[in-house]
PDB file of all heavy atoms in Angstrom:
ATOM      1  N   PRO A   1       0.885  -1.162   0.019  1.00  0.00           N
ATOM      2  CA  PRO A   1      -0.060   0.074  -0.059  1.00  0.00           C
ATOM      3  C   PRO A   1       0.817   1.311  -0.009  1.00  0.00           C
ATOM      4  O   PRO A   1       1.949   1.276   0.644  1.00  0.00           O
ATOM      5  CB  PRO A   1      -0.812  -0.090   1.292  1.00  0.00           C
ATOM      6  CG  PRO A   1      -0.028  -1.062   2.128  1.00  0.00           C
ATOM      7  CD  PRO A   1       0.638  -2.035   1.274  1.00  0.00           C
ATOM      8  N   PRO A   2       0.484   2.252  -0.692  1.00  0.00           N
ATOM      9  CA  PRO A   2       1.277   3.579  -0.686  1.00  0.00           C
ATOM     10  C   PRO A   2       1.255   4.179   0.721  1.00  0.00           C
ATOM     11  O   PRO A   2       0.441   4.044   1.532  1.00  0.00           O
ATOM     12  CB  PRO A   2       0.545   4.430  -1.618  1.00  0.00           C
ATOM     13  CG  PRO A   2      -0.839   3.849  -1.883  1.00  0.00           C
ATOM     14  CD  PRO A   2      -0.739   2.422  -1.428  1.00  0.00           C
ATOM     15  N   LEU A   3       2.440   4.676   0.874  1.00  0.00           N
ATOM     16  CA  LEU A   3       2.659   5.417   2.100  1.00  0.00           C
ATOM     17  C   LEU A   3       3.000   6.964   1.800  1.00  0.00           C
ATOM     18  O   LEU A   3       4.019   7.229   1.113  1.00  0.00           O
ATOM     19  CB  LEU A   3       3.742   4.907   3.030  1.00  0.00           C
ATOM     20  CG  LEU A   3       4.299   5.694   4.217  1.00  0.00           C
ATOM     21  CD1 LEU A   3       3.099   5.750   5.251  1.00  0.00           C
ATOM     22  CD2 LEU A   3       5.549   5.155   4.835  1.00  0.00           C
ATOM     23  N   GLU A   4       2.148   7.890   2.280  1.00  0.00           N
ATOM     24  CA  GLU A   4       2.414   9.271   2.023  1.00  0.00           C
ATOM     25  C   GLU A   4       3.159   9.979   3.315  1.00  0.00           C
ATOM     26  O   GLU A   4       2.749   9.663   4.349  1.00  0.00           O
ATOM     27  CB  GLU A   4       1.087  10.060   1.885  1.00  0.00           C
ATOM     28  CG  GLU A   4       0.345   9.800   0.605  1.00  0.00           C
ATOM     29  CD  GLU A   4      -0.840  10.628   0.336  1.00  0.00           C
ATOM     30  OE1 GLU A   4      -1.186  11.418   1.323  1.00  0.00           O
ATOM     31  OE2 GLU A   4      -1.422  10.397  -0.732  1.00  0.00           O
ATOM     32  N   ILE A   5       4.286  10.595   2.898  1.00  0.00           N
ATOM     33  CA  ILE A   5       5.096  11.088   4.081  1.00  0.00           C
ATOM     34  C   ILE A   5       5.152  12.584   3.791  1.00  0.00           C
ATOM     35  O   ILE A   5       5.833  13.126   2.693  1.00  0.00           O
ATOM     36  CB  ILE A   5       6.607  10.575   4.030  1.00  0.00           C
ATOM     37  CG1 ILE A   5       6.466   9.079   4.232  1.00  0.00           C
ATOM     38  CG2 ILE A   5       7.401  11.177   4.977  1.00  0.00           C
ATOM     39  CD1 ILE A   5       7.816   8.377   4.030  1.00  0.00           C
ATOM     40  N   PRO A   6       4.636  13.435   4.577  1.00  0.00           N
ATOM     41  CA  PRO A   6       4.759  14.923   4.480  1.00  0.00           C
ATOM     42  C   PRO A   6       6.162  15.253   4.671  1.00  0.00           C
ATOM     43  O   PRO A   6       6.887  14.931   5.585  1.00  0.00           O
ATOM     44  CB  PRO A   6       3.882  15.528   5.627  1.00  0.00           C
ATOM     45  CG  PRO A   6       3.000  14.329   6.048  1.00  0.00           C
ATOM     46  CD  PRO A   6       3.792  13.093   5.729  1.00  0.00           C
ATOM     47  N   VAL A   7       6.738  16.115   3.654  1.00  0.00           N
ATOM     48  CA  VAL A   7       8.161  16.520   3.793  1.00  0.00           C
ATOM     49  C   VAL A   7       8.111  17.855   4.437  1.00  0.00           C
ATOM     50  O   VAL A   7       7.796  18.874   3.923  1.00  0.00           O
ATOM     51  CB  VAL A   7       8.769  16.609   2.371  1.00  0.00           C
ATOM     52  CG1 VAL A   7      10.237  16.962   2.535  1.00  0.00           C
ATOM     53  CG2 VAL A   7       8.669  15.228   1.653  1.00  0.00           C
ATOM     54  N   THR A   8       8.455  17.826   5.746  1.00  0.00           N
ATOM     55  CA  THR A   8       8.529  19.080   6.586  1.00  0.00           C
ATOM     56  C   THR A   8      10.078  19.482   6.637  1.00  0.00           C
ATOM     57  O   THR A   8      10.928  18.644   6.560  1.00  0.00           O
ATOM     58  CB  THR A   8       7.925  18.890   7.921  1.00  0.00           C
ATOM     59  OG1 THR A   8       8.697  17.950   8.655  1.00  0.00           O
ATOM     60  CG2 THR A   8       6.463  18.400   7.813  1.00  0.00           C
ATOM     61  N   ARG A   9      10.176  20.701   7.095  1.00  0.00           N
ATOM     62  CA  ARG A   9      11.445  21.259   7.293  1.00  0.00           C
ATOM     63  C   ARG A   9      12.051  20.554   8.500  1.00  0.00           C
ATOM     64  O   ARG A   9      13.325  20.166   8.562  1.00  0.00           O
ATOM     65  CB  ARG A   9      11.435  22.742   7.669  1.00  0.00           C
ATOM     66  CG  ARG A   9      12.763  23.493   7.821  1.00  0.00           C
ATOM     67  CD  ARG A   9      12.489  25.028   7.874  1.00  0.00           C
ATOM     68  NE  ARG A   9      11.750  25.545   6.662  1.00  0.00           N
ATOM     69  CZ  ARG A   9      12.356  25.785   5.516  1.00  0.00           C
ATOM     70  NH1 ARG A   9      13.640  25.600   5.316  1.00  0.00           N
ATOM     71  NH2 ARG A   9      11.570  26.220   4.592  1.00  0.00           N
ATOM     72  N   THR A  10      11.251  20.187   9.473  1.00  0.00           N
ATOM     73  CA  THR A  10      11.817  19.510  10.719  1.00  0.00           C
ATOM     74  C   THR A  10      12.286  17.991  10.242  1.00  0.00           C
ATOM     75  O   THR A  10      13.264  17.676  10.716  1.00  0.00           O
ATOM     76  CB  THR A  10      10.606  19.442  11.765  1.00  0.00           C
ATOM     77  OG1 THR A  10      10.146  20.643  12.130  1.00  0.00           O
ATOM     78  CG2 THR A  10      11.042  18.681  12.906  1.00  0.00           C
ATOM     79  N   LEU A  11      11.506  17.392   9.504  1.00  0.00           N
ATOM     80  CA  LEU A  11      11.924  16.061   8.971  1.00  0.00           C
ATOM     81  C   LEU A  11      13.281  16.209   8.281  1.00  0.00           C
ATOM     82  O   LEU A  11      14.120  15.357   8.505  1.00  0.00           O
ATOM     83  CB  LEU A  11      10.983  15.462   8.097  1.00  0.00           C
ATOM     84  CG  LEU A  11      11.220  14.109   7.497  1.00  0.00           C
ATOM     85  CD1 LEU A  11      11.459  13.040   8.594  1.00  0.00           C
ATOM     86  CD2 LEU A  11      10.197  13.564   6.434  1.00  0.00           C
ATOM     87  N   ILE A  12      13.512  17.083   7.463  1.00  0.00           N
ATOM     88  CA  ILE A  12      14.706  17.238   6.645  1.00  0.00           C
ATOM     89  C   ILE A  12      15.826  17.497   7.584  1.00  0.00           C
ATOM     90  O   ILE A  12      16.887  16.870   7.615  1.00  0.00           O
ATOM     91  CB  ILE A  12      14.568  18.316   5.697  1.00  0.00           C
ATOM     92  CG1 ILE A  12      13.557  17.981   4.479  1.00  0.00           C
ATOM     93  CG2 ILE A  12      15.885  18.710   4.971  1.00  0.00           C
ATOM     94  CD1 ILE A  12      13.105  18.982   3.494  1.00  0.00           C
ATOM     95  N   VAL A  13      15.719  18.460   8.567  1.00  0.00           N
ATOM     96  CA  VAL A  13      16.794  18.889   9.409  1.00  0.00           C
ATOM     97  C   VAL A  13      17.027  17.755  10.436  1.00  0.00           C
ATOM     98  O   VAL A  13      18.251  17.318  10.629  1.00  0.00           O
ATOM     99  CB  VAL A  13      16.446  20.221  10.206  1.00  0.00           C
ATOM    100  CG1 VAL A  13      17.498  20.472  11.217  1.00  0.00           C
ATOM    101  CG2 VAL A  13      16.346  21.324   9.164  1.00  0.00           C
ATOM    102  N   ALA A  14      15.979  17.207  11.029  1.00  0.00           N
ATOM    103  CA  ALA A  14      16.175  16.035  11.968  1.00  0.00           C
ATOM    104  C   ALA A  14      16.869  14.935  11.413  1.00  0.00           C
ATOM    105  O   ALA A  14      17.784  14.185  11.944  1.00  0.00           O
ATOM    106  CB  ALA A  14      14.872  15.663  12.655  1.00  0.00           C
ATOM    107  N   GLY A  15      16.527  14.545  10.157  1.00  0.00           N
ATOM    108  CA  GLY A  15      17.132  13.446   9.473  1.00  0.00           C
ATOM    109  C   GLY A  15      18.582  13.626   9.120  1.00  0.00           C
ATOM    110  O   GLY A  15      19.467  12.759   9.350  1.00  0.00           O
ATOM    111  N   ALA A  16      18.938  14.815   8.778  1.00  0.00           N
ATOM    112  CA  ALA A  16      20.381  15.272   8.480  1.00  0.00           C
ATOM    113  C   ALA A  16      21.201  15.143   9.788  1.00  0.00           C
ATOM    114  O   ALA A  16      22.143  14.634   9.908  1.00  0.00           O
ATOM    115  CB  ALA A  16      20.432  16.614   7.836  1.00  0.00           C
ATOM    116  N   VAL A  17      20.608  15.667  10.825  1.00  0.00           N
ATOM    117  CA  VAL A  17      21.388  15.705  12.158  1.00  0.00           C
ATOM    118  C   VAL A  17      21.433  14.182  12.700  1.00  0.00           C
ATOM    119  O   VAL A  17      22.552  13.842  13.012  1.00  0.00           O
ATOM    120  CB  VAL A  17      20.610  16.529  13.285  1.00  0.00           C
ATOM    121  CG1 VAL A  17      21.289  16.403  14.644  1.00  0.00           C
ATOM    122  CG2 VAL A  17      20.709  18.015  12.700  1.00  0.00           C
ATOM    123  N   ALA A  18      20.389  13.432  12.558  1.00  0.00           N
ATOM    124  CA  ALA A  18      20.476  12.082  13.097  1.00  0.00           C
ATOM    125  C   ALA A  18      21.360  11.262  12.356  1.00  0.00           C
ATOM    126  O   ALA A  18      22.009  10.364  12.950  1.00  0.00           O
ATOM    127  CB  ALA A  18      19.066  11.478  12.985  1.00  0.00           C
ATOM    128  N   SER A  19      21.628  11.602  11.022  1.00  0.00           N
ATOM    129  CA  SER A  19      22.595  10.843  10.229  1.00  0.00           C
ATOM    130  C   SER A  19      23.963  11.522  10.185  1.00  0.00           C
ATOM    131  O   SER A  19      24.795  11.064   9.414  1.00  0.00           O
ATOM    132  CB  SER A  19      22.047  10.533   8.830  1.00  0.00           C
ATOM    133  OG  SER A  19      21.824  11.804   8.257  1.00  0.00           O
ATOM    134  N   ARG A  20      24.255  12.593  10.963  1.00  0.00           N
ATOM    135  CA  ARG A  20      25.427  13.180  11.175  1.00  0.00           C
ATOM    136  C   ARG A  20      25.905  13.836   9.862  1.00  0.00           C
ATOM    137  O   ARG A  20      27.105  14.035   9.564  1.00  0.00           O
ATOM    138  CB  ARG A  20      26.518  12.419  11.739  1.00  0.00           C
ATOM    139  CG  ARG A  20      26.184  11.991  13.107  1.00  0.00           C
ATOM    140  CD  ARG A  20      27.322  11.177  13.765  1.00  0.00           C
ATOM    141  NE  ARG A  20      26.841  10.758  15.118  1.00  0.00           N
ATOM    142  CZ  ARG A  20      27.789  10.273  15.907  1.00  0.00           C
ATOM    143  NH1 ARG A  20      29.003   9.877  15.571  1.00  0.00           N
ATOM    144  NH2 ARG A  20      27.385   9.845  17.224  1.00  0.00           N
ATOM    145  N   ASP A  21      24.877  14.417   9.018  1.00  0.00           N
ATOM    146  CA  ASP A  21      25.129  14.960   7.833  1.00  0.00           C
ATOM    147  C   ASP A  21      24.984  16.584   7.944  1.00  0.00           C
ATOM    148  O   ASP A  21      23.859  16.918   7.990  1.00  0.00           O
ATOM    149  CB  ASP A  21      24.217  14.390   6.678  1.00  0.00           C
ATOM    150  CG  ASP A  21      24.446  15.011   5.294  1.00  0.00           C
ATOM    151  OD1 ASP A  21      25.223  16.108   5.173  1.00  0.00           O
ATOM    152  OD2 ASP A  21      23.936  14.506   4.354  1.00  0.00           O
ATOM    153  N   TYR A  22      25.997  17.153   8.285  1.00  0.00           N
ATOM    154  CA  TYR A  22      25.975  18.571   8.661  1.00  0.00           C
ATOM    155  C   TYR A  22      26.150  19.566   7.452  1.00  0.00           C
ATOM    156  O   TYR A  22      26.304  20.724   7.667  1.00  0.00           O
ATOM    157  CB  TYR A  22      26.971  18.803   9.722  1.00  0.00           C
ATOM    158  CG  TYR A  22      26.735  18.042  10.939  1.00  0.00           C
ATOM    159  CD1 TYR A  22      27.777  17.147  11.391  1.00  0.00           C
ATOM    160  CD2 TYR A  22      25.592  18.016  11.675  1.00  0.00           C
ATOM    161  CE1 TYR A  22      27.500  16.238  12.456  1.00  0.00           C
ATOM    162  CE2 TYR A  22      25.351  17.216  12.757  1.00  0.00           C
ATOM    163  CZ  TYR A  22      26.320  16.403  13.154  1.00  0.00           C
ATOM    164  OH  TYR A  22      26.215  15.450  14.272  1.00  0.00           O
ATOM    165  N   GLN A  23      26.006  18.981   6.281  1.00  0.00           N
ATOM    166  CA  GLN A  23      26.018  19.927   5.113  1.00  0.00           C
ATOM    167  C   GLN A  23      24.990  20.914   5.213  1.00  0.00           C
ATOM    168  O   GLN A  23      23.760  20.595   5.498  1.00  0.00           O
ATOM    169  CB  GLN A  23      25.905  19.070   3.730  1.00  0.00           C
ATOM    170  CG  GLN A  23      27.156  18.230   3.559  1.00  0.00           C
ATOM    171  CD  GLN A  23      27.127  17.718   2.016  1.00  0.00           C
ATOM    172  OE1 GLN A  23      26.551  18.310   1.051  1.00  0.00           O
ATOM    173  NE2 GLN A  23      27.591  16.451   1.859  1.00  0.00           N
ATOM    174  N   ASP A  24      25.354  22.208   4.912  1.00  0.00           N
ATOM    175  CA  ASP A  24      24.428  23.292   5.205  1.00  0.00           C
ATOM    176  C   ASP A  24      23.246  23.319   4.315  1.00  0.00           C
ATOM    177  O   ASP A  24      22.171  23.766   4.673  1.00  0.00           O
ATOM    178  CB  ASP A  24      25.110  24.649   5.048  1.00  0.00           C
ATOM    179  CG  ASP A  24      25.977  24.764   3.656  1.00  0.00           C
ATOM    180  OD1 ASP A  24      25.766  23.945   2.818  1.00  0.00           O
ATOM    181  OD2 ASP A  24      26.688  25.852   3.606  1.00  0.00           O
ATOM    182  N   VAL A  25      23.190  22.659   3.231  1.00  0.00           N
ATOM    183  CA  VAL A  25      22.089  22.609   2.374  1.00  0.00           C
ATOM    184  C   VAL A  25      20.911  21.709   2.788  1.00  0.00           C
ATOM    185  O   VAL A  25      19.796  21.779   2.344  1.00  0.00           O
ATOM    186  CB  VAL A  25      22.436  22.028   0.938  1.00  0.00           C
ATOM    187  CG1 VAL A  25      23.393  22.921   0.042  1.00  0.00           C
ATOM    188  CG2 VAL A  25      22.987  20.619   1.046  1.00  0.00           C
ATOM    189  N   HIS A  26      21.160  21.069   3.909  1.00  0.00           N
ATOM    190  CA  HIS A  26      20.136  20.223   4.668  1.00  0.00           C
ATOM    191  C   HIS A  26      19.586  20.945   5.927  1.00  0.00           C
ATOM    192  O   HIS A  26      18.690  20.405   6.478  1.00  0.00           O
ATOM    193  CB  HIS A  26      20.696  18.823   4.953  1.00  0.00           C
ATOM    194  CG  HIS A  26      21.230  18.078   3.834  1.00  0.00           C
ATOM    195  ND1 HIS A  26      20.455  17.747   2.724  1.00  0.00           N
ATOM    196  CD2 HIS A  26      22.436  17.471   3.553  1.00  0.00           C
ATOM    197  CE1 HIS A  26      21.251  17.163   1.808  1.00  0.00           C
ATOM    198  NE2 HIS A  26      22.389  16.982   2.395  1.00  0.00           N
ATOM    199  N   HIS A  27      20.056  22.130   6.258  1.00  0.00           N
ATOM    200  CA  HIS A  27      19.524  22.651   7.337  1.00  0.00           C
ATOM    201  C   HIS A  27      19.511  24.305   7.282  1.00  0.00           C
ATOM    202  O   HIS A  27      18.977  24.925   8.177  1.00  0.00           O
ATOM    203  CB  HIS A  27      20.344  22.308   8.732  1.00  0.00           C
ATOM    204  CG  HIS A  27      21.763  22.780   8.663  1.00  0.00           C
ATOM    205  ND1 HIS A  27      22.206  23.994   9.052  1.00  0.00           N
ATOM    206  CD2 HIS A  27      22.861  22.067   8.359  1.00  0.00           C
ATOM    207  CE1 HIS A  27      23.454  24.092   8.976  1.00  0.00           C
ATOM    208  NE2 HIS A  27      23.913  22.953   8.598  1.00  0.00           N
ATOM    209  N   ASP A  28      20.207  24.868   6.325  1.00  0.00           N
ATOM    210  CA  ASP A  28      20.335  26.339   6.263  1.00  0.00           C
ATOM    211  C   ASP A  28      19.739  26.800   4.982  1.00  0.00           C
ATOM    212  O   ASP A  28      20.398  26.532   3.874  1.00  0.00           O
ATOM    213  CB  ASP A  28      21.726  26.716   6.339  1.00  0.00           C
ATOM    214  CG  ASP A  28      21.978  28.177   6.401  1.00  0.00           C
ATOM    215  OD1 ASP A  28      21.175  28.985   5.834  1.00  0.00           O
ATOM    216  OD2 ASP A  28      22.975  28.635   6.990  1.00  0.00           O
ATOM    217  N   ALA A  29      18.535  27.323   4.993  1.00  0.00           N
ATOM    218  CA  ALA A  29      17.759  27.646   3.625  1.00  0.00           C
ATOM    219  C   ALA A  29      18.583  28.757   2.965  1.00  0.00           C
ATOM    220  O   ALA A  29      18.664  28.634   1.597  1.00  0.00           O
ATOM    221  CB  ALA A  29      16.399  28.205   4.053  1.00  0.00           C
ATOM    222  N   GLU A  30      19.326  29.734   3.586  1.00  0.00           N
ATOM    223  CA  GLU A  30      19.929  30.750   2.934  1.00  0.00           C
ATOM    224  C   GLU A  30      21.255  30.157   2.143  1.00  0.00           C
ATOM    225  O   GLU A  30      21.419  30.375   1.085  1.00  0.00           O
ATOM    226  CB  GLU A  30      20.477  31.828   3.913  1.00  0.00           C
ATOM    227  CG  GLU A  30      21.038  32.947   3.197  1.00  0.00           C
ATOM    228  CD  GLU A  30      20.215  33.738   2.128  1.00  0.00           C
ATOM    229  OE1 GLU A  30      19.082  33.741   2.335  1.00  0.00           O
ATOM    230  OE2 GLU A  30      20.843  34.114   1.129  1.00  0.00           O
ATOM    231  N   ALA A  31      21.862  29.339   2.831  1.00  0.00           N
ATOM    232  CA  ALA A  31      23.070  28.615   2.285  1.00  0.00           C
ATOM    233  C   ALA A  31      22.632  27.743   1.092  1.00  0.00           C
ATOM    234  O   ALA A  31      23.253  27.725   0.076  1.00  0.00           O
ATOM    235  CB  ALA A  31      23.816  27.688   3.269  1.00  0.00           C
ATOM    236  N   ALA A  32      21.499  27.097   1.211  1.00  0.00           N
ATOM    237  CA  ALA A  32      20.978  26.267   0.023  1.00  0.00           C
ATOM    238  C   ALA A  32      20.626  27.232  -1.153  1.00  0.00           C
ATOM    239  O   ALA A  32      21.057  26.748  -2.302  1.00  0.00           O
ATOM    240  CB  ALA A  32      19.742  25.537   0.490  1.00  0.00           C
TER     241      ALA A  32
END
């Protein structure tokens, strides 16, 4: 069955931090 996942800013930033990916394009909108 399909799974819909709302893509939120919090999900993006939390996923990057949890995976220790500190590239600014995953948490800093201005840098992106």
